[in-house]
Amino acid sequence: MKSSKLKLLGLLCAAALHPASLFACAACYGASDSPMAKGMNWGIFSLLGVVAMVLGSVATFFVFIGKKAAAAANEAEQNTAPRTEPTQKS
């Protein structure tokens, strides 16, 4: 039992200290022309596009609600305004 734990610990240490795992990916390392960096940029732009569309939709909805409220207020004001009868000159 003790030797299996020691072997497992040795494998974990070897895996943790393996030099290939210390290299950064192409996006982090600075190779901006690699396919991985280009894919990451497209992912960022796609997410920015989704966020912009959602925020634009919310803003459009509130503008729509504001216009409807203004139209309803104008209509209510016109309906409650006192009507004056035209006077006839005799």
PDB file of N, CA and C in Angstrom:
ATOM      1  N   MET A   1       0.822  -1.185   0.000  1.00  0.00           N
ATOM      2  CA  MET A   1       0.000   0.000   0.000  1.00  0.00           C
ATOM      3  C   MET A   1       0.872   1.258   0.000  1.00  0.00           C
ATOM      4  N   LYS A   2       1.931   1.242   0.785  1.00  0.00           N
ATOM      5  CA  LYS A   2       2.813   2.381   0.895  1.00  0.00           C
ATOM      6  C   LYS A   2       3.559   2.623  -0.419  1.00  0.00           C
ATOM      7  N   SER A   3       3.957   1.571  -1.092  1.00  0.00           N
ATOM      8  CA  SER A   3       4.691   1.726  -2.350  1.00  0.00           C
ATOM      9  C   SER A   3       3.782   2.248  -3.457  1.00  0.00           C
ATOM     10  N   SER A   4       2.486   1.879  -3.452  1.00  0.00           N
ATOM     11  CA  SER A   4       1.572   2.394  -4.479  1.00  0.00           C
ATOM     12  C   SER A   4       1.323   3.893  -4.280  1.00  0.00           C
ATOM     13  N   LYS A   5       1.263   4.329  -3.022  1.00  0.00           N
ATOM     14  CA  LYS A   5       1.101   5.761  -2.755  1.00  0.00           C
ATOM     15  C   LYS A   5       2.356   6.526  -3.183  1.00  0.00           C
ATOM     16  N   LEU A   6       3.506   5.907  -2.957  1.00  0.00           N
ATOM     17  CA  LEU A   6       4.768   6.538  -3.339  1.00  0.00           C
ATOM     18  C   LEU A   6       4.882   6.641  -4.858  1.00  0.00           C
ATOM     19  N   LYS A   7       4.444   5.589  -5.570  1.00  0.00           N
ATOM     20  CA  LYS A   7       4.463   5.616  -7.036  1.00  0.00           C
ATOM     21  C   LYS A   7       3.501   6.682  -7.567  1.00  0.00           C
ATOM     22  N   LEU A   8       2.332   6.760  -6.965  1.00  0.00           N
ATOM     23  CA  LEU A   8       1.349   7.754  -7.385  1.00  0.00           C
ATOM     24  C   LEU A   8       1.876   9.172  -7.146  1.00  0.00           C
ATOM     25  N   LEU A   9       2.505   9.382  -6.008  1.00  0.00           N
ATOM     26  CA  LEU A   9       3.095  10.682  -5.711  1.00  0.00           C
ATOM     27  C   LEU A   9       4.206  11.016  -6.706  1.00  0.00           C
ATOM     28  N   GLY A  10       5.014  10.020  -7.063  1.00  0.00           N
ATOM     29  CA  GLY A  10       6.080  10.224  -8.044  1.00  0.00           C
ATOM     30  C   GLY A  10       5.520  10.568  -9.411  1.00  0.00           C
ATOM     31  N   LEU A  11       4.439   9.905  -9.831  1.00  0.00           N
ATOM     32  CA  LEU A  11       3.807  10.211 -11.116  1.00  0.00           C
ATOM     33  C   LEU A  11       3.206  11.617 -11.116  1.00  0.00           C
ATOM     34  N   LEU A  12       2.580  11.992 -10.017  1.00  0.00           N
ATOM     35  CA  LEU A  12       2.012  13.333  -9.930  1.00  0.00           C
ATOM     36  C   LEU A  12       3.096  14.405  -9.987  1.00  0.00           C
ATOM     37  N   CYS A  13       4.199  14.172  -9.306  1.00  0.00           N
ATOM     38  CA  CYS A  13       5.317  15.126  -9.343  1.00  0.00           C
ATOM     39  C   CYS A  13       5.909  15.202 -10.742  1.00  0.00           C
ATOM     40  N   ALA A  14       6.063  14.064 -11.408  1.00  0.00           N
ATOM     41  CA  ALA A  14       6.613  14.062 -12.759  1.00  0.00           C
ATOM     42  C   ALA A  14       5.676  14.790 -13.727  1.00  0.00           C
ATOM     43  N   ALA A  15       4.365  14.578 -13.575  1.00  0.00           N
ATOM     44  CA  ALA A  15       3.405  15.253 -14.451  1.00  0.00           C
ATOM     45  C   ALA A  15       3.384  16.752 -14.180  1.00  0.00           C
ATOM     46  N   ALA A  16       3.494  17.129 -12.915  1.00  0.00           N
ATOM     47  CA  ALA A  16       3.460  18.554 -12.573  1.00  0.00           C
ATOM     48  C   ALA A  16       4.713  19.275 -13.031  1.00  0.00           C
ATOM     49  N   LEU A  17       5.826  18.597 -13.053  1.00  0.00           N
ATOM     50  CA  LEU A  17       7.092  19.234 -13.408  1.00  0.00           C
ATOM     51  C   LEU A  17       7.495  18.996 -14.858  1.00  0.00           C
ATOM     52  N   HIS A  18       6.621  18.400 -15.635  1.00  0.00           N
ATOM     53  CA  HIS A  18       6.917  18.152 -17.045  1.00  0.00           C
ATOM     54  C   HIS A  18       7.056  19.485 -17.763  1.00  0.00           C
ATOM     55  N   PRO A  19       8.164  19.716 -18.474  1.00  0.00           N
ATOM     56  CA  PRO A  19       8.393  21.044 -19.059  1.00  0.00           C
ATOM     57  C   PRO A  19       7.416  21.422 -20.169  1.00  0.00           C
ATOM     58  N   ALA A  20       6.841  20.459 -20.866  1.00  0.00           N
ATOM     59  CA  ALA A  20       5.920  20.796 -21.952  1.00  0.00           C
ATOM     60  C   ALA A  20       4.651  21.445 -21.418  1.00  0.00           C
ATOM     61  N   SER A  21       4.263  21.136 -20.203  1.00  0.00           N
ATOM     62  CA  SER A  21       3.046  21.732 -19.660  1.00  0.00           C
ATOM     63  C   SER A  21       3.269  23.178 -19.225  1.00  0.00           C
ATOM     64  N   LEU A  22       4.516  23.640 -19.207  1.00  0.00           N
ATOM     65  CA  LEU A  22       4.798  25.006 -18.793  1.00  0.00           C
ATOM     66  C   LEU A  22       4.740  25.993 -19.945  1.00  0.00           C
ATOM     67  N   PHE A  23       4.706  25.516 -21.181  1.00  0.00           N
ATOM     68  CA  PHE A  23       4.639  26.409 -22.324  1.00  0.00           C
ATOM     69  C   PHE A  23       3.249  27.017 -22.430  1.00  0.00           C
ATOM     70  N   ALA A  24       3.203  28.287 -22.739  1.00  0.00           N
ATOM     71  CA  ALA A  24       1.918  28.964 -22.899  1.00  0.00           C
ATOM     72  C   ALA A  24       1.324  28.612 -24.257  1.00  0.00           C
ATOM     73  N   CYS A  25       0.021  28.768 -24.364  1.00  0.00           N
ATOM     74  CA  CYS A  25      -0.626  28.510 -25.652  1.00  0.00           C
ATOM     75  C   CYS A  25      -0.268  29.645 -26.613  1.00  0.00           C
ATOM     76  N   ALA A  26      -0.626  29.493 -27.864  1.00  0.00           N
ATOM     77  CA  ALA A  26      -0.254  30.471 -28.876  1.00  0.00           C
ATOM     78  C   ALA A  26      -0.897  31.826 -28.609  1.00  0.00           C
ATOM     79  N   ALA A  27      -2.104  31.829 -28.063  1.00  0.00           N
ATOM     80  CA  ALA A  27      -2.775  33.100 -27.782  1.00  0.00           C
ATOM     81  C   ALA A  27      -2.083  33.843 -26.647  1.00  0.00           C
ATOM     82  N   CYS A  28      -1.657  33.106 -25.621  1.00  0.00           N
ATOM     83  CA  CYS A  28      -1.004  33.751 -24.482  1.00  0.00           C
ATOM     84  C   CYS A  28       0.464  34.042 -24.752  1.00  0.00           C
ATOM     85  N   TYR A  29       1.076  33.250 -25.582  1.00  0.00           N
ATOM     86  CA  TYR A  29       2.511  33.389 -25.837  1.00  0.00           C
ATOM     87  C   TYR A  29       2.818  34.591 -26.714  1.00  0.00           C
ATOM     88  N   GLY A  30       1.845  35.027 -27.506  1.00  0.00           N
ATOM     89  CA  GLY A  30       2.050  36.214 -28.320  1.00  0.00           C
ATOM     90  C   GLY A  30       2.054  35.958 -29.808  1.00  0.00           C
ATOM     91  N   ALA A  31       1.806  34.746 -30.253  1.00  0.00           N
ATOM     92  CA  ALA A  31       1.741  34.462 -31.685  1.00  0.00           C
ATOM     93  C   ALA A  31       0.348  34.850 -32.171  1.00  0.00           C
ATOM     94  N   SER A  32       0.181  36.111 -32.512  1.00  0.00           N
ATOM     95  CA  SER A  32      -1.158  36.605 -32.838  1.00  0.00           C
ATOM     96  C   SER A  32      -1.656  36.145 -34.206  1.00  0.00           C
ATOM     97  N   ASP A  33      -0.797  35.536 -35.013  1.00  0.00           N
ATOM     98  CA  ASP A  33      -1.225  35.072 -36.326  1.00  0.00           C
ATOM     99  C   ASP A  33      -1.573  33.581 -36.333  1.00  0.00           C
ATOM    100  N   SER A  34      -1.580  32.957 -35.170  1.00  0.00           N
ATOM    101  CA  SER A  34      -1.898  31.532 -35.119  1.00  0.00           C
ATOM    102  C   SER A  34      -3.411  31.328 -35.216  1.00  0.00           C
ATOM    103  N   PRO A  35      -3.841  30.156 -35.667  1.00  0.00           N
ATOM    104  CA  PRO A  35      -5.280  29.880 -35.759  1.00  0.00           C
ATOM    105  C   PRO A  35      -5.977  29.943 -34.395  1.00  0.00           C
ATOM    106  N   MET A  36      -5.278  29.572 -33.328  1.00  0.00           N
ATOM    107  CA  MET A  36      -5.892  29.623 -32.009  1.00  0.00           C
ATOM    108  C   MET A  36      -6.186  31.068 -31.604  1.00  0.00           C
ATOM    109  N   ALA A  37      -5.272  31.977 -31.878  1.00  0.00           N
ATOM    110  CA  ALA A  37      -5.483  33.388 -31.540  1.00  0.00           C
ATOM    111  C   ALA A  37      -6.588  33.989 -32.399  1.00  0.00           C
ATOM    112  N   LYS A  38      -6.627  33.618 -33.670  1.00  0.00           N
ATOM    113  CA  LYS A  38      -7.688  34.118 -34.543  1.00  0.00           C
ATOM    114  C   LYS A  38      -9.047  33.604 -34.086  1.00  0.00           C
ATOM    115  N   GLY A  39      -9.113  32.349 -33.691  1.00  0.00           N
ATOM    116  CA  GLY A  39     -10.365  31.794 -33.182  1.00  0.00           C
ATOM    117  C   GLY A  39     -10.811  32.468 -31.899  1.00  0.00           C
ATOM    118  N   MET A  40      -9.861  32.764 -31.028  1.00  0.00           N
ATOM    119  CA  MET A  40     -10.201  33.438 -29.784  1.00  0.00           C
ATOM    120  C   MET A  40     -10.712  34.851 -30.071  1.00  0.00           C
ATOM    121  N   ASN A  41     -10.100  35.535 -31.027  1.00  0.00           N
ATOM    122  CA  ASN A  41     -10.574  36.878 -31.385  1.00  0.00           C
ATOM    123  C   ASN A  41     -11.989  36.839 -31.948  1.00  0.00           C
ATOM    124  N   TRP A  42     -12.269  35.848 -32.805  1.00  0.00           N
ATOM    125  CA  TRP A  42     -13.617  35.727 -33.353  1.00  0.00           C
ATOM    126  C   TRP A  42     -14.622  35.400 -32.253  1.00  0.00           C
ATOM    127  N   GLY A  43     -14.220  34.611 -31.293  1.00  0.00           N
ATOM    128  CA  GLY A  43     -15.102  34.325 -30.163  1.00  0.00           C
ATOM    129  C   GLY A  43     -15.413  35.574 -29.357  1.00  0.00           C
ATOM    130  N   ILE A  44     -14.411  36.403 -29.146  1.00  0.00           N
ATOM    131  CA  ILE A  44     -14.616  37.653 -28.412  1.00  0.00           C
ATOM    132  C   ILE A  44     -15.550  38.575 -29.189  1.00  0.00           C
ATOM    133  N   PHE A  45     -15.318  38.698 -30.496  1.00  0.00           N
ATOM    134  CA  PHE A  45     -16.176  39.563 -31.303  1.00  0.00           C
ATOM    135  C   PHE A  45     -17.608  39.039 -31.352  1.00  0.00           C
ATOM    136  N   SER A  46     -17.766  37.731 -31.391  1.00  0.00           N
ATOM    137  CA  SER A  46     -19.113  37.157 -31.404  1.00  0.00           C
ATOM    138  C   SER A  46     -19.845  37.469 -30.099  1.00  0.00           C
ATOM    139  N   LEU A  47     -19.155  37.313 -28.982  1.00  0.00           N
ATOM    140  CA  LEU A  47     -19.782  37.615 -27.699  1.00  0.00           C
ATOM    141  C   LEU A  47     -20.098  39.105 -27.568  1.00  0.00           C
ATOM    142  N   LEU A  48     -19.217  39.964 -28.070  1.00  0.00           N
ATOM    143  CA  LEU A  48     -19.501  41.394 -28.051  1.00  0.00           C
ATOM    144  C   LEU A  48     -20.719  41.720 -28.911  1.00  0.00           C
ATOM    145  N   GLY A  49     -20.850  41.029 -30.033  1.00  0.00           N
ATOM    146  CA  GLY A  49     -22.015  41.233 -30.890  1.00  0.00           C
ATOM    147  C   GLY A  49     -23.308  40.832 -30.202  1.00  0.00           C
ATOM    148  N   VAL A  50     -23.284  39.714 -29.487  1.00  0.00           N
ATOM    149  CA  VAL A  50     -24.477  39.271 -28.769  1.00  0.00           C
ATOM    150  C   VAL A  50     -24.843  40.277 -27.678  1.00  0.00           C
ATOM    151  N   VAL A  51     -23.848  40.732 -26.931  1.00  0.00           N
ATOM    152  CA  VAL A  51     -24.108  41.712 -25.873  1.00  0.00           C
ATOM    153  C   VAL A  51     -24.659  43.008 -26.462  1.00  0.00           C
ATOM    154  N   ALA A  52     -24.095  43.469 -27.570  1.00  0.00           N
ATOM    155  CA  ALA A  52     -24.574  44.702 -28.208  1.00  0.00           C
ATOM    156  C   ALA A  52     -26.011  44.540 -28.688  1.00  0.00           C
ATOM    157  N   MET A  53     -26.347  43.382 -29.248  1.00  0.00           N
ATOM    158  CA  MET A  53     -27.718  43.157 -29.710  1.00  0.00           C
ATOM    159  C   MET A  53     -28.701  43.137 -28.548  1.00  0.00           C
ATOM    160  N   VAL A  54     -28.345  42.509 -27.449  1.00  0.00           N
ATOM    161  CA  VAL A  54     -29.238  42.452 -26.293  1.00  0.00           C
ATOM    162  C   VAL A  54     -29.433  43.850 -25.704  1.00  0.00           C
ATOM    163  N   LEU A  55     -28.337  44.599 -25.526  1.00  0.00           N
ATOM    164  CA  LEU A  55     -28.464  45.951 -24.985  1.00  0.00           C
ATOM    165  C   LEU A  55     -29.243  46.861 -25.933  1.00  0.00           C
ATOM    166  N   GLY A  56     -29.025  46.711 -27.223  1.00  0.00           N
ATOM    167  CA  GLY A  56     -29.783  47.488 -28.199  1.00  0.00           C
ATOM    168  C   GLY A  56     -31.263  47.157 -28.164  1.00  0.00           C
ATOM    169  N   SER A  57     -31.586  45.890 -27.979  1.00  0.00           N
ATOM    170  CA  SER A  57     -32.989  45.483 -27.884  1.00  0.00           C
ATOM    171  C   SER A  57     -33.646  46.063 -26.640  1.00  0.00           C
ATOM    172  N   VAL A  58     -32.949  46.044 -25.528  1.00  0.00           N
ATOM    173  CA  VAL A  58     -33.499  46.608 -24.291  1.00  0.00           C
ATOM    174  C   VAL A  58     -33.705  48.108 -24.448  1.00  0.00           C
ATOM    175  N   ALA A  59     -32.736  48.808 -25.037  1.00  0.00           N
ATOM    176  CA  ALA A  59     -32.865  50.252 -25.241  1.00  0.00           C
ATOM    177  C   ALA A  59     -34.019  50.562 -26.187  1.00  0.00           C
ATOM    178  N   THR A  60     -34.156  49.782 -27.252  1.00  0.00           N
ATOM    179  CA  THR A  60     -35.255  49.979 -28.197  1.00  0.00           C
ATOM    180  C   THR A  60     -36.597  49.759 -27.524  1.00  0.00           C
ATOM    181  N   PHE A  61     -36.688  48.763 -26.663  1.00  0.00           N
ATOM    182  CA  PHE A  61     -37.929  48.492 -25.942  1.00  0.00           C
ATOM    183  C   PHE A  61     -38.308  49.677 -25.065  1.00  0.00           C
ATOM    184  N   PHE A  62     -37.357  50.251 -24.345  1.00  0.00           N
ATOM    185  CA  PHE A  62     -37.671  51.370 -23.469  1.00  0.00           C
ATOM    186  C   PHE A  62     -38.026  52.628 -24.261  1.00  0.00           C
ATOM    187  N   VAL A  63     -37.415  52.834 -25.422  1.00  0.00           N
ATOM    188  CA  VAL A  63     -37.806  53.952 -26.280  1.00  0.00           C
ATOM    189  C   VAL A  63     -39.234  53.746 -26.771  1.00  0.00           C
ATOM    190  N   PHE A  64     -39.574  52.537 -27.148  1.00  0.00           N
ATOM    191  CA  PHE A  64     -40.934  52.207 -27.592  1.00  0.00           C
ATOM    192  C   PHE A  64     -41.939  52.475 -26.476  1.00  0.00           C
ATOM    193  N   ILE A  65     -41.625  52.031 -25.267  1.00  0.00           N
ATOM    194  CA  ILE A  65     -42.526  52.242 -24.129  1.00  0.00           C
ATOM    195  C   ILE A  65     -42.663  53.739 -23.841  1.00  0.00           C
ATOM    196  N   GLY A  66     -41.563  54.490 -23.930  1.00  0.00           N
ATOM    197  CA  GLY A  66     -41.624  55.936 -23.699  1.00  0.00           C
ATOM    198  C   GLY A  66     -42.505  56.643 -24.710  1.00  0.00           C
ATOM    199  N   LYS A  67     -42.402  56.253 -25.971  1.00  0.00           N
ATOM    200  CA  LYS A  67     -43.229  56.872 -27.007  1.00  0.00           C
ATOM    201  C   LYS A  67     -44.705  56.529 -26.802  1.00  0.00           C
ATOM    202  N   LYS A  68     -44.978  55.286 -26.434  1.00  0.00           N
ATOM    203  CA  LYS A  68     -46.367  54.887 -26.184  1.00  0.00           C
ATOM    204  C   LYS A  68     -46.936  55.648 -24.993  1.00  0.00           C
ATOM    205  N   ALA A  69     -46.142  55.832 -23.944  1.00  0.00           N
ATOM    206  CA  ALA A  69     -46.609  56.566 -22.769  1.00  0.00           C
ATOM    207  C   ALA A  69     -46.873  58.024 -23.115  1.00  0.00           C
ATOM    208  N   ALA A  70     -46.001  58.630 -23.922  1.00  0.00           N
ATOM    209  CA  ALA A  70     -46.203  60.022 -24.322  1.00  0.00           C
ATOM    210  C   ALA A  70     -47.460  60.154 -25.174  1.00  0.00           C
ATOM    211  N   ALA A  71     -47.678  59.217 -26.078  1.00  0.00           N
ATOM    212  CA  ALA A  71     -48.878  59.255 -26.916  1.00  0.00           C
ATOM    213  C   ALA A  71     -50.134  59.073 -26.070  1.00  0.00           C
ATOM    214  N   ALA A  72     -50.087  58.182 -25.095  1.00  0.00           N
ATOM    215  CA  ALA A  72     -51.243  57.969 -24.223  1.00  0.00           C
ATOM    216  C   ALA A  72     -51.506  59.201 -23.363  1.00  0.00           C
ATOM    217  N   ALA A  73     -50.462  59.864 -22.903  1.00  0.00           N
ATOM    218  CA  ALA A  73     -50.640  61.073 -22.093  1.00  0.00           C
ATOM    219  C   ALA A  73     -51.246  62.195 -22.937  1.00  0.00           C
ATOM    220  N   ASN A  74     -50.803  62.334 -24.179  1.00  0.00           N
ATOM    221  CA  ASN A  74     -51.374  63.358 -25.063  1.00  0.00           C
ATOM    222  C   ASN A  74     -52.841  63.077 -25.356  1.00  0.00           C
ATOM    223  N   GLU A  75     -53.166  61.821 -25.575  1.00  0.00           N
ATOM    224  CA  GLU A  75     -54.548  61.448 -25.859  1.00  0.00           C
ATOM    225  C   GLU A  75     -55.427  61.692 -24.638  1.00  0.00           C
ATOM    226  N   ALA A  76     -54.936  61.363 -23.457  1.00  0.00           N
ATOM    227  CA  ALA A  76     -55.704  61.593 -22.236  1.00  0.00           C
ATOM    228  C   ALA A  76     -55.893  63.081 -21.994  1.00  0.00           C
ATOM    229  N   GLU A  77     -54.872  63.872 -22.317  1.00  0.00           N
ATOM    230  CA  GLU A  77     -54.973  65.328 -22.147  1.00  0.00           C
ATOM    231  C   GLU A  77     -56.005  65.911 -23.095  1.00  0.00           C
ATOM    232  N   GLN A  78     -56.061  65.409 -24.302  1.00  0.00           N
ATOM    233  CA  GLN A  78     -57.035  65.906 -25.271  1.00  0.00           C
ATOM    234  C   GLN A  78     -58.452  65.506 -24.887  1.00  0.00           C
ATOM    235  N   ASN A  79     -58.612  64.329 -24.310  1.00  0.00           N
ATOM    236  CA  ASN A  79     -59.941  63.857 -23.927  1.00  0.00           C
ATOM    237  C   ASN A  79     -60.460  64.575 -22.689  1.00  0.00           C
ATOM    238  N   THR A  80     -59.601  65.040 -21.826  1.00  0.00           N
ATOM    239  CA  THR A  80     -60.040  65.687 -20.597  1.00  0.00           C
ATOM    240  C   THR A  80     -60.080  67.205 -20.711  1.00  0.00           C
ATOM    241  N   ALA A  81     -59.643  67.759 -21.811  1.00  0.00           N
ATOM    242  CA  ALA A  81     -59.669  69.220 -21.984  1.00  0.00           C
ATOM    243  C   ALA A  81     -61.117  69.676 -22.100  1.00  0.00           C
ATOM    244  N   PRO A  82     -61.454  70.784 -21.436  1.00  0.00           N
ATOM    245  CA  PRO A  82     -62.848  71.256 -21.521  1.00  0.00           C
ATOM    246  C   PRO A  82     -63.164  71.712 -22.940  1.00  0.00           C
ATOM    247  N   ARG A  83     -64.313  71.278 -23.389  1.00  0.00           N
ATOM    248  CA  ARG A  83     -64.726  71.642 -24.733  1.00  0.00           C
ATOM    249  C   ARG A  83     -65.559  72.920 -24.652  1.00  0.00           C
ATOM    250  N   THR A  84     -65.234  73.826 -25.491  1.00  0.00           N
ATOM    251  CA  THR A  84     -66.009  75.082 -25.532  1.00  0.00           C
ATOM    252  C   THR A  84     -66.891  75.053 -26.759  1.00  0.00           C
ATOM    253  N   GLU A  85     -68.120  75.436 -26.547  1.00  0.00           N
ATOM    254  CA  GLU A  85     -69.081  75.484 -27.644  1.00  0.00           C
ATOM    255  C   GLU A  85     -68.879  76.792 -28.408  1.00  0.00           C
ATOM    256  N   PRO A  86     -68.929  76.701 -29.692  1.00  0.00           N
ATOM    257  CA  PRO A  86     -68.790  77.947 -30.454  1.00  0.00           C
ATOM    258  C   PRO A  86     -70.009  78.867 -30.204  1.00  0.00           C
ATOM    259  N   THR A  87     -69.746  80.114 -30.031  1.00  0.00           N
ATOM    260  CA  THR A  87     -70.833  81.070 -29.804  1.00  0.00           C
ATOM    261  C   THR A  87     -71.299  81.620 -31.138  1.00  0.00           C
ATOM    262  N   GLN A  88     -72.575  81.814 -31.222  1.00  0.00           N
ATOM    263  CA  GLN A  88     -73.161  82.366 -32.453  1.00  0.00           C
ATOM    264  C   GLN A  88     -73.442  83.838 -32.251  1.00  0.00           C
ATOM    265  N   LYS A  89     -73.100  84.604 -33.210  1.00  0.00           N
ATOM    266  CA  LYS A  89     -73.386  86.036 -33.160  1.00  0.00           C
ATOM    267  C   LYS A  89     -74.744  86.264 -33.801  1.00  0.00           C
ATOM    268  N   SER A  90     -75.585  86.949 -33.102  1.00  0.00           N
ATOM    269  CA  SER A  90     -76.912  87.238 -33.657  1.00  0.00           C
ATOM    270  C   SER A  90     -77.115  88.700 -33.870  1.00  0.00           C
TER     271      SER A  90
END
